[in-house]
PDB file of N, CA and C in Angstrom:
ATOM      1  N   MET A   1     -31.051  81.514  28.287  1.00  0.00           N
ATOM      2  CA  MET A   1     -30.989  82.189  27.058  1.00  0.00           C
ATOM      3  C   MET A   1     -30.302  83.242  27.688  1.00  0.00           C
ATOM      4  N   ALA A   2     -31.128  83.499  28.524  1.00  0.00           N
ATOM      5  CA  ALA A   2     -31.436  85.687  28.786  1.00  0.00           C
ATOM      6  C   ALA A   2     -30.115  85.590  29.449  1.00  0.00           C
ATOM      7  N   LYS A   3     -29.426  84.670  30.010  1.00  0.00           N
ATOM      8  CA  LYS A   3     -27.998  84.989  31.037  1.00  0.00           C
ATOM      9  C   LYS A   3     -26.662  85.029  29.779  1.00  0.00           C
ATOM     10  N   MET A   4     -27.511  84.568  28.626  1.00  0.00           N
ATOM     11  CA  MET A   4     -26.151  84.250  27.497  1.00  0.00           C
ATOM     12  C   MET A   4     -26.112  85.175  26.922  1.00  0.00           C
ATOM     13  N   ARG A   5     -24.720  85.639  26.371  1.00  0.00           N
ATOM     14  CA  ARG A   5     -24.598  86.763  25.236  1.00  0.00           C
ATOM     15  C   ARG A   5     -23.270  85.877  24.257  1.00  0.00           C
ATOM     16  N   LEU A   6     -23.758  86.130  22.820  1.00  0.00           N
ATOM     17  CA  LEU A   6     -22.633  85.850  21.857  1.00  0.00           C
ATOM     18  C   LEU A   6     -21.984  87.580  21.370  1.00  0.00           C
ATOM     19  N   GLU A   7     -20.585  87.009  21.170  1.00  0.00           N
ATOM     20  CA  GLU A   7     -19.917  87.873  20.526  1.00  0.00           C
ATOM     21  C   GLU A   7     -18.865  87.595  19.593  1.00  0.00           C
ATOM     22  N   ALA A   8     -19.109  88.433  19.022  1.00  0.00           N
ATOM     23  CA  ALA A   8     -17.440  88.344  17.766  1.00  0.00           C
ATOM     24  C   ALA A   8     -16.105  88.573  18.987  1.00  0.00           C
ATOM     25  N   LYS A   9     -15.124  87.899  18.630  1.00  0.00           N
ATOM     26  CA  LYS A   9     -13.777  89.189  18.815  1.00  0.00           C
ATOM     27  C   LYS A   9     -13.142  89.129  18.028  1.00  0.00           C
ATOM     28  N   PRO A  10     -12.262  90.254  16.832  1.00  0.00           N
ATOM     29  CA  PRO A  10     -12.051  90.341  16.238  1.00  0.00           C
ATOM     30  C   PRO A  10     -10.575  89.279  16.069  1.00  0.00           C
ATOM     31  N   GLU A  11     -10.185  89.068  17.086  1.00  0.00           N
ATOM     32  CA  GLU A  11      -9.202  88.301  17.349  1.00  0.00           C
ATOM     33  C   GLU A  11      -9.276  86.775  16.735  1.00  0.00           C
ATOM     34  N   LEU A  12     -10.094  86.725  16.938  1.00  0.00           N
ATOM     35  CA  LEU A  12     -10.603  85.632  16.510  1.00  0.00           C
ATOM     36  C   LEU A  12     -10.915  84.795  15.337  1.00  0.00           C
ATOM     37  N   THR A  13     -11.560  85.890  14.743  1.00  0.00           N
ATOM     38  CA  THR A  13     -11.982  86.287  13.561  1.00  0.00           C
ATOM     39  C   THR A  13     -11.208  86.091  12.329  1.00  0.00           C
ATOM     40  N   ALA A  14     -10.019  87.064  12.978  1.00  0.00           N
ATOM     41  CA  ALA A  14      -8.706  87.371  12.220  1.00  0.00           C
ATOM     42  C   ALA A  14      -7.882  86.292  11.807  1.00  0.00           C
ATOM     43  N   LEU A  15      -7.759  84.962  12.912  1.00  0.00           N
ATOM     44  CA  LEU A  15      -7.512  84.277  12.792  1.00  0.00           C
ATOM     45  C   LEU A  15      -8.272  83.189  12.014  1.00  0.00           C
ATOM     46  N   PHE A  16      -9.853  82.997  12.378  1.00  0.00           N
ATOM     47  CA  PHE A  16     -10.709  82.188  11.279  1.00  0.00           C
ATOM     48  C   PHE A  16     -10.485  82.132   9.669  1.00  0.00           C
ATOM     49  N   LYS A  17      -9.892  84.136   9.205  1.00  0.00           N
ATOM     50  CA  LYS A  17      -9.970  84.467   8.137  1.00  0.00           C
ATOM     51  C   LYS A  17      -7.936  83.750   7.537  1.00  0.00           C
ATOM     52  N   GLN A  18      -7.695  83.433   8.718  1.00  0.00           N
ATOM     53  CA  GLN A  18      -5.853  82.721   7.948  1.00  0.00           C
ATOM     54  C   GLN A  18      -6.068  80.878   8.375  1.00  0.00           C
ATOM     55  N   GLY A  19      -7.559  80.239   8.383  1.00  0.00           N
ATOM     56  CA  GLY A  19      -7.871  79.213   8.062  1.00  0.00           C
ATOM     57  C   GLY A  19      -7.846  78.323   9.550  1.00  0.00           C
ATOM     58  N   LEU A  20      -7.508  79.108  10.396  1.00  0.00           N
ATOM     59  CA  LEU A  20      -8.080  78.428  12.171  1.00  0.00           C
ATOM     60  C   LEU A  20      -9.176  78.348  12.131  1.00  0.00           C
ATOM     61  N   ARG A  21      -9.186  77.443  13.226  1.00  0.00           N
ATOM     62  CA  ARG A  21     -11.333  77.148  13.563  1.00  0.00           C
ATOM     63  C   ARG A  21     -11.660  77.841  14.817  1.00  0.00           C
ATOM     64  N   PRO A  22     -11.015  78.890  15.051  1.00  0.00           N
ATOM     65  CA  PRO A  22     -10.620  78.704  16.892  1.00  0.00           C
ATOM     66  C   PRO A  22     -12.670  78.864  17.512  1.00  0.00           C
ATOM     67  N   ALA A  23     -12.265  79.118  18.849  1.00  0.00           N
ATOM     68  CA  ALA A  23     -13.418  79.762  18.621  1.00  0.00           C
ATOM     69  C   ALA A  23     -12.765  80.080  20.638  1.00  0.00           C
ATOM     70  N   ALA A  24     -14.543  80.238  21.228  1.00  0.00           N
ATOM     71  CA  ALA A  24     -13.918  80.435  23.161  1.00  0.00           C
ATOM     72  C   ALA A  24     -15.111  80.802  23.385  1.00  0.00           C
ATOM     73  N   VAL A  25     -15.017  80.639  24.733  1.00  0.00           N
ATOM     74  CA  VAL A  25     -16.297  80.248  25.770  1.00  0.00           C
ATOM     75  C   VAL A  25     -15.816  80.924  27.385  1.00  0.00           C
ATOM     76  N   GLU A  26     -16.542  81.985  27.820  1.00  0.00           N
ATOM     77  CA  GLU A  26     -16.570  82.181  29.421  1.00  0.00           C
ATOM     78  C   GLU A  26     -17.891  82.105  29.882  1.00  0.00           C
ATOM     79  N   VAL A  27     -17.768  81.618  30.907  1.00  0.00           N
ATOM     80  CA  VAL A  27     -18.587  81.346  32.246  1.00  0.00           C
ATOM     81  C   VAL A  27     -17.774  82.041  32.869  1.00  0.00           C
ATOM     82  N   LYS A  28     -19.002  82.378  33.720  1.00  0.00           N
ATOM     83  CA  LYS A  28     -19.229  83.782  34.837  1.00  0.00           C
ATOM     84  C   LYS A  28     -20.086  82.720  35.673  1.00  0.00           C
ATOM     85  N   THR A  29     -19.250  82.540  37.443  1.00  0.00           N
ATOM     86  CA  THR A  29     -19.772  82.033  38.327  1.00  0.00           C
ATOM     87  C   THR A  29     -19.544  82.685  39.092  1.00  0.00           C
ATOM     88  N   PRO A  30     -20.521  82.279  40.650  1.00  0.00           N
ATOM     89  CA  PRO A  30     -20.306  82.932  42.061  1.00  0.00           C
ATOM     90  C   PRO A  30     -18.982  82.427  42.093  1.00  0.00           C
ATOM     91  N   ARG A  31     -18.170  81.255  41.950  1.00  0.00           N
ATOM     92  CA  ARG A  31     -16.762  81.110  42.045  1.00  0.00           C
ATOM     93  C   ARG A  31     -15.620  82.228  41.116  1.00  0.00           C
ATOM     94  N   GLY A  32     -15.802  83.119  39.979  1.00  0.00           N
ATOM     95  CA  GLY A  32     -14.941  83.558  39.105  1.00  0.00           C
ATOM     96  C   GLY A  32     -15.480  82.844  37.422  1.00  0.00           C
ATOM     97  N   ALA A  33     -14.790  83.313  37.268  1.00  0.00           N
ATOM     98  CA  ALA A  33     -14.554  83.724  35.439  1.00  0.00           C
ATOM     99  C   ALA A  33     -13.947  82.370  35.035  1.00  0.00           C
ATOM    100  N   PHE A  34     -14.844  81.779  34.531  1.00  0.00           N
ATOM    101  CA  PHE A  34     -13.763  80.561  33.957  1.00  0.00           C
ATOM    102  C   PHE A  34     -13.599  81.140  32.131  1.00  0.00           C
ATOM    103  N   TYR A  35     -12.331  80.808  31.246  1.00  0.00           N
ATOM    104  CA  TYR A  35     -12.450  81.177  29.821  1.00  0.00           C
ATOM    105  C   TYR A  35     -11.279  80.229  29.003  1.00  0.00           C
ATOM    106  N   ARG A  36     -11.824  79.698  28.535  1.00  0.00           N
ATOM    107  CA  ARG A  36     -10.816  78.650  27.563  1.00  0.00           C
ATOM    108  C   ARG A  36     -11.468  78.911  25.930  1.00  0.00           C
ATOM    109  N   GLU A  37      -9.748  78.893  25.059  1.00  0.00           N
ATOM    110  CA  GLU A  37     -10.041  79.584  23.768  1.00  0.00           C
ATOM    111  C   GLU A  37      -8.838  78.291  23.549  1.00  0.00           C
ATOM    112  N   VAL A  38      -9.296  78.001  22.045  1.00  0.00           N
ATOM    113  CA  VAL A  38      -8.578  76.557  20.777  1.00  0.00           C
ATOM    114  C   VAL A  38      -8.872  77.492  19.865  1.00  0.00           C
ATOM    115  N   LEU A  39      -8.124  76.933  19.139  1.00  0.00           N
ATOM    116  CA  LEU A  39      -7.780  77.472  18.089  1.00  0.00           C
ATOM    117  C   LEU A  39      -7.968  76.565  16.670  1.00  0.00           C
ATOM    118  N   HIS A  40      -7.691  75.090  17.298  1.00  0.00           N
ATOM    119  CA  HIS A  40      -7.732  74.021  16.740  1.00  0.00           C
ATOM    120  C   HIS A  40      -9.290  72.547  17.031  1.00  0.00           C
ATOM    121  N   PRO A  41     -10.069  72.962  17.056  1.00  0.00           N
ATOM    122  CA  PRO A  41     -11.490  72.380  17.652  1.00  0.00           C
ATOM    123  C   PRO A  41     -10.846  70.415  17.794  1.00  0.00           C
ATOM    124  N   LEU A  42     -11.465  70.138  18.401  1.00  0.00           N
ATOM    125  CA  LEU A  42     -11.293  68.258  18.662  1.00  0.00           C
ATOM    126  C   LEU A  42     -11.660  67.806  16.991  1.00  0.00           C
ATOM    127  N   GLY A  43     -11.288  67.298  16.813  1.00  0.00           N
ATOM    128  CA  GLY A  43     -11.371  66.382  15.519  1.00  0.00           C
ATOM    129  C   GLY A  43     -11.149  67.130  13.807  1.00  0.00           C
ATOM    130  N   ASP A  44     -10.211  68.261  14.128  1.00  0.00           N
ATOM    131  CA  ASP A  44      -9.904  68.941  13.177  1.00  0.00           C
ATOM    132  C   ASP A  44      -8.247  68.228  12.939  1.00  0.00           C
ATOM    133  N   PRO A  45      -7.833  68.396  12.205  1.00  0.00           N
ATOM    134  CA  PRO A  45      -6.498  67.367  11.049  1.00  0.00           C
ATOM    135  C   PRO A  45      -5.801  67.936  12.034  1.00  0.00           C
ATOM    136  N   ARG A  46      -5.787  69.515  12.662  1.00  0.00           N
ATOM    137  CA  ARG A  46      -5.186  69.685  13.692  1.00  0.00           C
ATOM    138  C   ARG A  46      -4.760  69.380  14.762  1.00  0.00           C
ATOM    139  N   ASN A  47      -5.962  68.923  14.889  1.00  0.00           N
ATOM    140  CA  ASN A  47      -6.136  68.360  16.577  1.00  0.00           C
ATOM    141  C   ASN A  47      -7.275  67.213  16.553  1.00  0.00           C
ATOM    142  N   PRO A  48      -6.237  65.589  15.873  1.00  0.00           N
ATOM    143  CA  PRO A  48      -7.281  64.783  15.260  1.00  0.00           C
ATOM    144  C   PRO A  48      -7.612  63.803  17.592  1.00  0.00           C
ATOM    145  N   MET A  49      -8.876  63.477  16.833  1.00  0.00           N
ATOM    146  CA  MET A  49      -9.738  62.588  17.849  1.00  0.00           C
ATOM    147  C   MET A  49      -8.676  61.426  17.925  1.00  0.00           C
ATOM    148  N   THR A  50      -9.268  60.760  19.313  1.00  0.00           N
ATOM    149  CA  THR A  50      -8.066  59.320  19.124  1.00  0.00           C
ATOM    150  C   THR A  50      -9.627  58.576  19.189  1.00  0.00           C
ATOM    151  N   TRP A  51      -9.097  57.306  19.164  1.00  0.00           N
ATOM    152  CA  TRP A  51      -9.716  55.955  19.210  1.00  0.00           C
ATOM    153  C   TRP A  51     -11.319  56.148  20.085  1.00  0.00           C
ATOM    154  N   ASP A  52     -10.333  56.218  21.680  1.00  0.00           N
ATOM    155  CA  ASP A  52     -11.374  56.755  22.488  1.00  0.00           C
ATOM    156  C   ASP A  52     -12.670  57.398  22.285  1.00  0.00           C
ATOM    157  N   ASP A  53     -12.112  58.869  21.814  1.00  0.00           N
ATOM    158  CA  ASP A  53     -13.055  60.292  21.859  1.00  0.00           C
ATOM    159  C   ASP A  53     -13.862  59.606  20.847  1.00  0.00           C
ATOM    160  N   VAL A  54     -13.181  59.112  19.387  1.00  0.00           N
ATOM    161  CA  VAL A  54     -14.667  58.559  18.763  1.00  0.00           C
ATOM    162  C   VAL A  54     -15.503  57.583  19.249  1.00  0.00           C
ATOM    163  N   THR A  55     -14.751  56.406  19.783  1.00  0.00           N
ATOM    164  CA  THR A  55     -15.942  55.629  20.575  1.00  0.00           C
ATOM    165  C   THR A  55     -16.937  56.504  21.583  1.00  0.00           C
ATOM    166  N   LYS A  56     -16.347  57.080  22.223  1.00  0.00           N
ATOM    167  CA  LYS A  56     -16.953  57.771  23.198  1.00  0.00           C
ATOM    168  C   LYS A  56     -18.419  58.670  22.680  1.00  0.00           C
ATOM    169  N   LYS A  57     -17.828  59.573  21.428  1.00  0.00           N
ATOM    170  CA  LYS A  57     -18.663  59.977  20.806  1.00  0.00           C
ATOM    171  C   LYS A  57     -19.961  59.587  20.728  1.00  0.00           C
ATOM    172  N   PHE A  58     -19.426  58.380  19.796  1.00  0.00           N
ATOM    173  CA  PHE A  58     -20.338  57.112  18.586  1.00  0.00           C
ATOM    174  C   PHE A  58     -21.254  56.497  19.617  1.00  0.00           C
ATOM    175  N   ILE A  59     -20.853  56.287  21.066  1.00  0.00           N
ATOM    176  CA  ILE A  59     -21.581  55.262  21.587  1.00  0.00           C
ATOM    177  C   ILE A  59     -22.675  56.315  22.110  1.00  0.00           C
ATOM    178  N   THR A  60     -22.563  57.780  23.064  1.00  0.00           N
ATOM    179  CA  THR A  60     -22.904  58.468  22.994  1.00  0.00           C
ATOM    180  C   THR A  60     -24.629  58.763  22.431  1.00  0.00           C
ATOM    181  N   GLN A  61     -23.904  58.801  21.147  1.00  0.00           N
ATOM    182  CA  GLN A  61     -25.491  59.582  19.905  1.00  0.00           C
ATOM    183  C   GLN A  61     -26.185  58.489  19.022  1.00  0.00           C
ATOM    184  N   ALA A  62     -25.887  56.841  19.595  1.00  0.00           N
ATOM    185  CA  ALA A  62     -25.854  55.138  18.996  1.00  0.00           C
ATOM    186  C   ALA A  62     -26.623  54.281  19.588  1.00  0.00           C
ATOM    187  N   GLU A  63     -26.211  54.984  21.127  1.00  0.00           N
ATOM    188  CA  GLU A  63     -26.900  54.076  22.461  1.00  0.00           C
ATOM    189  C   GLU A  63     -28.411  54.631  21.950  1.00  0.00           C
ATOM    190  N   PRO A  64     -29.162  55.571  22.209  1.00  0.00           N
ATOM    191  CA  PRO A  64     -30.397  55.838  21.948  1.00  0.00           C
ATOM    192  C   PRO A  64     -31.055  55.107  20.744  1.00  0.00           C
ATOM    193  N   VAL A  65     -30.256  55.165  19.749  1.00  0.00           N
ATOM    194  CA  VAL A  65     -31.159  54.466  18.173  1.00  0.00           C
ATOM    195  C   VAL A  65     -30.471  52.785  18.027  1.00  0.00           C
ATOM    196  N   LEU A  66     -30.289  52.784  18.834  1.00  0.00           N
ATOM    197  CA  LEU A  66     -29.248  51.025  18.550  1.00  0.00           C
ATOM    198  C   LEU A  66     -29.385  50.318  19.790  1.00  0.00           C
ATOM    199  N   GLY A  67     -29.158  50.775  20.993  1.00  0.00           N
ATOM    200  CA  GLY A  67     -29.103  49.863  22.103  1.00  0.00           C
ATOM    201  C   GLY A  67     -27.728  49.924  22.541  1.00  0.00           C
ATOM    202  N   THR A  68     -27.071  49.754  23.513  1.00  0.00           N
ATOM    203  CA  THR A  68     -26.154  49.537  23.914  1.00  0.00           C
ATOM    204  C   THR A  68     -25.830  48.550  23.669  1.00  0.00           C
ATOM    205  N   LYS A  69     -26.226  47.063  23.445  1.00  0.00           N
ATOM    206  CA  LYS A  69     -25.536  45.710  22.908  1.00  0.00           C
ATOM    207  C   LYS A  69     -24.847  46.006  21.217  1.00  0.00           C
ATOM    208  N   ARG A  70     -25.816  46.474  20.394  1.00  0.00           N
ATOM    209  CA  ARG A  70     -25.368  46.781  19.008  1.00  0.00           C
ATOM    210  C   ARG A  70     -24.685  47.592  19.104  1.00  0.00           C
ATOM    211  N   ALA A  71     -24.409  48.911  19.730  1.00  0.00           N
ATOM    212  CA  ALA A  71     -24.052  50.303  19.610  1.00  0.00           C
ATOM    213  C   ALA A  71     -22.487  49.644  19.528  1.00  0.00           C
ATOM    214  N   ARG A  72     -22.250  48.781  21.123  1.00  0.00           N
ATOM    215  CA  ARG A  72     -20.984  48.152  21.551  1.00  0.00           C
ATOM    216  C   ARG A  72     -20.517  47.171  20.462  1.00  0.00           C
ATOM    217  N   ASP A  73     -21.127  46.782  19.426  1.00  0.00           N
ATOM    218  CA  ASP A  73     -21.357  45.375  18.971  1.00  0.00           C
ATOM    219  C   ASP A  73     -20.219  46.478  17.401  1.00  0.00           C
ATOM    220  N   VAL A  74     -21.299  47.284  16.995  1.00  0.00           N
ATOM    221  CA  VAL A  74     -20.334  47.857  15.846  1.00  0.00           C
ATOM    222  C   VAL A  74     -18.992  48.912  15.999  1.00  0.00           C
ATOM    223  N   VAL A  75     -18.907  49.457  17.678  1.00  0.00           N
ATOM    224  CA  VAL A  75     -17.703  50.137  18.027  1.00  0.00           C
ATOM    225  C   VAL A  75     -16.491  48.361  18.030  1.00  0.00           C
ATOM    226  N   ASP A  76     -16.751  47.250  18.393  1.00  0.00           N
ATOM    227  CA  ASP A  76     -15.991  46.169  18.331  1.00  0.00           C
ATOM    228  C   ASP A  76     -15.610  45.674  17.232  1.00  0.00           C
ATOM    229  N   ARG A  77     -16.244  46.033  16.294  1.00  0.00           N
ATOM    230  CA  ARG A  77     -16.717  45.013  15.208  1.00  0.00           C
ATOM    231  C   ARG A  77     -15.412  46.564  13.755  1.00  0.00           C
ATOM    232  N   THR A  78     -15.906  47.450  14.009  1.00  0.00           N
ATOM    233  CA  THR A  78     -15.214  48.600  13.611  1.00  0.00           C
ATOM    234  C   THR A  78     -13.604  48.308  13.777  1.00  0.00           C
ATOM    235  N   PHE A  79     -13.843  48.523  15.276  1.00  0.00           N
ATOM    236  CA  PHE A  79     -12.405  48.587  15.873  1.00  0.00           C
ATOM    237  C   PHE A  79     -11.355  47.611  14.933  1.00  0.00           C
ATOM    238  N   SER A  80     -11.646  46.016  14.680  1.00  0.00           N
ATOM    239  CA  SER A  80     -11.028  45.530  14.488  1.00  0.00           C
ATOM    240  C   SER A  80     -11.667  44.435  12.985  1.00  0.00           C
ATOM    241  N   ILE A  81     -11.666  45.771  12.009  1.00  0.00           N
ATOM    242  CA  ILE A  81     -12.352  45.860  10.874  1.00  0.00           C
ATOM    243  C   ILE A  81     -11.709  44.788   9.810  1.00  0.00           C
ATOM    244  N   GLU A  82     -10.229  45.072  10.256  1.00  0.00           N
ATOM    245  CA  GLU A  82      -9.317  44.447   9.078  1.00  0.00           C
ATOM    246  C   GLU A  82      -9.365  42.501   9.399  1.00  0.00           C
ATOM    247  N   GLU A  83     -10.333  42.431  10.518  1.00  0.00           N
ATOM    248  CA  GLU A  83     -10.442  40.734  10.915  1.00  0.00           C
ATOM    249  C   GLU A  83     -12.199  40.203  10.654  1.00  0.00           C
ATOM    250  N   GLU A  84     -12.285  41.098   9.410  1.00  0.00           N
ATOM    251  CA  GLU A  84     -13.854  40.874   9.127  1.00  0.00           C
ATOM    252  C   GLU A  84     -13.286  40.216   7.768  1.00  0.00           C
ATOM    253  N   VAL A  85     -14.295  38.594   7.825  1.00  0.00           N
ATOM    254  CA  VAL A  85     -14.166  37.875   6.563  1.00  0.00           C
ATOM    255  C   VAL A  85     -15.443  37.648   5.600  1.00  0.00           C
ATOM    256  N   ASN A  86     -16.635  38.655   6.449  1.00  0.00           N
ATOM    257  CA  ASN A  86     -17.208  38.636   5.267  1.00  0.00           C
ATOM    258  C   ASN A  86     -17.993  39.896   5.496  1.00  0.00           C
ATOM    259  N   MET A  87     -17.833  40.920   4.995  1.00  0.00           N
ATOM    260  CA  MET A  87     -18.371  42.505   4.361  1.00  0.00           C
ATOM    261  C   MET A  87     -19.918  42.511   4.199  1.00  0.00           C
ATOM    262  N   ARG A  88     -20.314  41.624   4.456  1.00  0.00           N
ATOM    263  CA  ARG A  88     -21.433  41.873   3.546  1.00  0.00           C
ATOM    264  C   ARG A  88     -22.616  40.937   5.317  1.00  0.00           C
ATOM    265  N   SER A  89     -21.550  40.669   6.552  1.00  0.00           N
ATOM    266  CA  SER A  89     -21.973  40.669   7.636  1.00  0.00           C
ATOM    267  C   SER A  89     -21.840  41.465   8.340  1.00  0.00           C
ATOM    268  N   PHE A  90     -21.221  42.384   7.793  1.00  0.00           N
ATOM    269  CA  PHE A  90     -21.006  43.569   8.891  1.00  0.00           C
ATOM    270  C   PHE A  90     -21.802  44.947   8.425  1.00  0.00           C
ATOM    271  N   ALA A  91     -22.040  44.573   7.341  1.00  0.00           N
ATOM    272  CA  ALA A  91     -23.038  45.900   6.729  1.00  0.00           C
ATOM    273  C   ALA A  91     -23.908  45.486   6.930  1.00  0.00           C
ATOM    274  N   GLU A  92     -24.808  43.820   7.198  1.00  0.00           N
ATOM    275  CA  GLU A  92     -25.996  44.093   7.657  1.00  0.00           C
ATOM    276  C   GLU A  92     -26.055  43.976   9.038  1.00  0.00           C
ATOM    277  N   MET A  93     -25.559  44.173   9.886  1.00  0.00           N
ATOM    278  CA  MET A  93     -25.057  44.465  11.181  1.00  0.00           C
ATOM    279  C   MET A  93     -25.514  45.867  11.409  1.00  0.00           C
ATOM    280  N   LEU A  94     -24.750  46.768  10.569  1.00  0.00           N
ATOM    281  CA  LEU A  94     -24.931  48.581  10.671  1.00  0.00           C
ATOM    282  C   LEU A  94     -26.380  48.138  10.219  1.00  0.00           C
ATOM    283  N   GLY A  95     -27.601  47.638   9.433  1.00  0.00           N
ATOM    284  CA  GLY A  95     -28.598  48.202   8.449  1.00  0.00           C
ATOM    285  C   GLY A  95     -29.565  46.895   9.498  1.00  0.00           C
ATOM    286  N   GLY A  96     -29.339  46.175  10.417  1.00  0.00           N
ATOM    287  CA  GLY A  96     -30.344  45.542  10.799  1.00  0.00           C
ATOM    288  C   GLY A  96     -31.060  46.372  11.824  1.00  0.00           C
ATOM    289  N   GLU A  97     -31.814  45.540  12.292  1.00  0.00           N
ATOM    290  CA  GLU A  97     -33.009  46.102  13.092  1.00  0.00           C
ATOM    291  C   GLU A  97     -32.509  47.192  14.266  1.00  0.00           C
ATOM    292  N   ARG A  98     -33.250  48.106  14.544  1.00  0.00           N
ATOM    293  CA  ARG A  98     -33.101  49.009  15.521  1.00  0.00           C
ATOM    294  C   ARG A  98     -33.809  47.834  17.397  1.00  0.00           C
ATOM    295  N   LYS A  99     -33.069  48.819  17.801  1.00  0.00           N
ATOM    296  CA  LYS A  99     -33.308  48.531  19.270  1.00  0.00           C
ATOM    297  C   LYS A  99     -35.128  48.375  19.790  1.00  0.00           C
TER     298      LYS A  99
END
């Protein structure tokens, strides 16, 4: 933490006040400085997540709690939710025993 510094950038603050959600990060390494700035973070309506983005995020967060198989089952069944004949079994899968 001692190597980190947080600072406000007036130009990004002004954009935030206009309704944007800007963020920037700069990383300095022995190979040089690397800077990245975004006006709309992933998941913002102006930069929506793809199904693959959502799946990766869900699996990363759900696997430790649900286990690999159940997390994957949730993804697969959610992807084809229109084909679910019985929403009760879908809901039971979501609320079932943890790993």
